[in-house]
Amino acid sequence: MPWDFSQQSNWDELTYHLKEVSWMEFFDFVELVGKELIAKGDDPFQDGIYSFESYQSKVNALFKEDLVGWRLDSSAELARNIPQFLTSRVKPTKELIDNSFELAREHYKKVVPAPD
């Protein structure tokens, strides 16, 4: 991980860091915060302000507002939001490709030795 939790950092440093990282590191950070919130559990004295559910809702609202095609799921994993009409077309296509090339895959397995 590129983040050093051993040192006390302030809000400005965190904000600067998140603005400068690659998009992959940003998404990793979003997931990391979610997993930490899940592990921490709800604090009864905070009225759910720092709960995972609140964080998840705010992250997903931000992503939706900015037309980001990812959503934070209930296990703090980012998942691609694929429209239903596309999902219904992808599955049959995948099955067609899987079935159409089964003989070629078997031939390939016979010709190319498995790695040791």
Protein backbone atom coordinates (compact mmCIF):
# COMPACT_ATOMS: atom_id res chain seq x y z
CA MET A 1 0.00 0.00 0.00
CA PRO A 2 1.31 3.48 -0.76
CA TRP A 3 -0.14 4.97 2.44
CA ASP A 4 1.89 5.19 5.62
CA PHE A 5 -0.41 4.82 8.62
CA SER A 6 2.45 4.95 11.12
CA GLN A 7 2.67 8.74 10.98
CA GLN A 8 0.06 11.22 12.06
CA SER A 9 -1.15 13.06 8.99
CA ASN A 10 -3.43 16.01 8.72
CA TRP A 11 -6.44 16.67 6.52
CA ASP A 12 -4.51 18.82 4.02
CA GLU A 13 -1.89 16.14 3.43
CA LEU A 14 -4.58 13.49 2.92
CA THR A 15 -6.53 15.73 0.56
CA TYR A 16 -3.39 16.54 -1.45
CA HIS A 17 -2.45 12.86 -1.61
CA LEU A 18 -5.86 11.77 -2.86
CA LYS A 19 -5.84 14.45 -5.55
CA GLU A 20 -2.41 13.34 -6.79
CA VAL A 21 -2.74 9.53 -6.83
CA SER A 22 -3.69 7.50 -9.87
CA TRP A 23 -7.33 6.52 -10.25
CA MET A 24 -6.49 2.93 -9.26
CA GLU A 25 -4.94 4.08 -5.99
CA PHE A 26 -7.93 6.31 -5.32
CA PHE A 27 -10.32 3.39 -5.80
CA ASP A 28 -8.09 1.22 -3.57
CA PHE A 29 -8.31 3.92 -0.91
CA VAL A 30 -12.11 4.08 -1.20
CA GLU A 31 -12.26 0.30 -0.63
CA LEU A 32 -9.73 0.46 2.22
CA VAL A 33 -11.74 3.06 4.11
CA GLY A 34 -14.89 0.98 3.62
CA LYS A 35 -13.22 -2.19 4.94
CA GLU A 36 -11.85 -0.28 7.95
CA LEU A 37 -15.33 1.06 8.73
CA ILE A 38 -16.83 -2.43 8.48
CA ALA A 39 -14.11 -3.82 10.77
CA LYS A 40 -14.62 -0.98 13.27
CA GLY A 41 -18.35 -1.46 13.44
CA ASP A 42 -20.88 1.18 14.43
CA ASP A 43 -20.06 3.51 17.31
CA PRO A 44 -23.25 4.04 19.35
CA PHE A 45 -22.04 7.50 20.40
CA GLN A 46 -21.67 8.80 16.84
CA ASP A 47 -25.29 8.27 15.69
CA GLY A 48 -24.12 6.46 12.55
CA ILE A 49 -22.14 9.44 11.28
CA TYR A 50 -19.05 7.29 10.75
CA SER A 51 -20.82 4.07 9.84
CA PHE A 52 -20.03 2.03 6.75
CA GLU A 53 -23.61 2.45 5.55
CA SER A 54 -23.29 6.24 5.65
CA TYR A 55 -19.92 6.11 3.88
CA GLN A 56 -21.24 3.69 1.24
CA SER A 57 -24.25 5.89 0.58
CA LYS A 58 -22.12 9.04 0.19
CA VAL A 59 -19.52 7.35 -2.04
CA ASN A 60 -22.21 5.91 -4.30
CA ALA A 61 -24.04 9.26 -4.48
CA LEU A 62 -20.79 10.99 -5.45
CA PHE A 63 -20.02 8.37 -8.10
CA LYS A 64 -23.54 8.61 -9.49
CA GLU A 65 -23.39 12.41 -9.59
CA ASP A 66 -20.07 12.32 -11.48
CA LEU A 67 -21.25 9.49 -13.77
CA VAL A 68 -18.65 7.04 -12.45
CA GLY A 69 -19.70 3.51 -13.46
CA TRP A 70 -18.66 1.88 -10.18
CA ARG A 71 -20.59 1.28 -6.97
CA LEU A 72 -19.34 0.35 -3.49
CA ASP A 73 -21.08 -2.87 -2.49
CA SER A 74 -21.94 -4.14 1.01
CA SER A 75 -18.51 -5.76 1.46
CA ALA A 76 -16.64 -2.53 0.55
CA GLU A 77 -15.68 -3.79 -2.90
CA LEU A 78 -16.09 -1.59 -5.93
CA ALA A 79 -18.18 -3.31 -8.57
CA ARG A 80 -18.91 -2.21 -12.09
CA ASN A 81 -22.47 -1.11 -12.61
CA ILE A 82 -23.56 -2.87 -15.81
CA PRO A 83 -27.00 -1.99 -17.17
CA GLN A 84 -29.50 -4.86 -17.24
CA PHE A 85 -29.99 -4.69 -21.02
CA LEU A 86 -26.24 -5.17 -21.50
CA THR A 87 -26.03 -8.00 -18.97
CA SER A 88 -28.81 -9.84 -20.78
CA ARG A 89 -26.78 -9.65 -24.04
CA VAL A 90 -23.36 -10.47 -22.56
CA LYS A 91 -24.34 -13.77 -20.93
CA PRO A 92 -25.63 -15.52 -24.09
CA THR A 93 -22.64 -14.21 -26.06
CA LYS A 94 -20.22 -15.58 -23.46
CA GLU A 95 -21.97 -18.97 -23.51
CA LEU A 96 -21.85 -19.02 -27.31
CA ILE A 97 -18.11 -18.27 -27.32
CA ASP A 98 -17.41 -20.79 -24.55
CA ASN A 99 -19.28 -23.54 -26.38
CA SER A 100 -17.99 -22.67 -29.86
CA PHE A 101 -14.32 -22.98 -28.99
CA GLU A 102 -14.40 -25.99 -26.67
CA LEU A 103 -12.75 -28.28 -29.25
CA ALA A 104 -10.02 -25.71 -29.92
CA ARG A 105 -9.32 -25.43 -26.19
CA GLU A 106 -9.03 -29.20 -25.86
CA HIS A 107 -6.62 -29.33 -28.81
CA TYR A 108 -4.57 -26.49 -27.32
CA LYS A 109 -4.34 -28.33 -23.98
CA LYS A 110 -2.99 -31.41 -25.77
CA VAL A 111 -0.37 -29.47 -27.74
CA VAL A 112 0.86 -27.07 -25.08
CA PRO A 113 2.29 -28.74 -21.97
CA ALA A 114 0.96 -27.54 -18.62
CA PRO A 115 3.39 -25.42 -16.58
CA ASP A 116 5.17 -27.25 -13.77
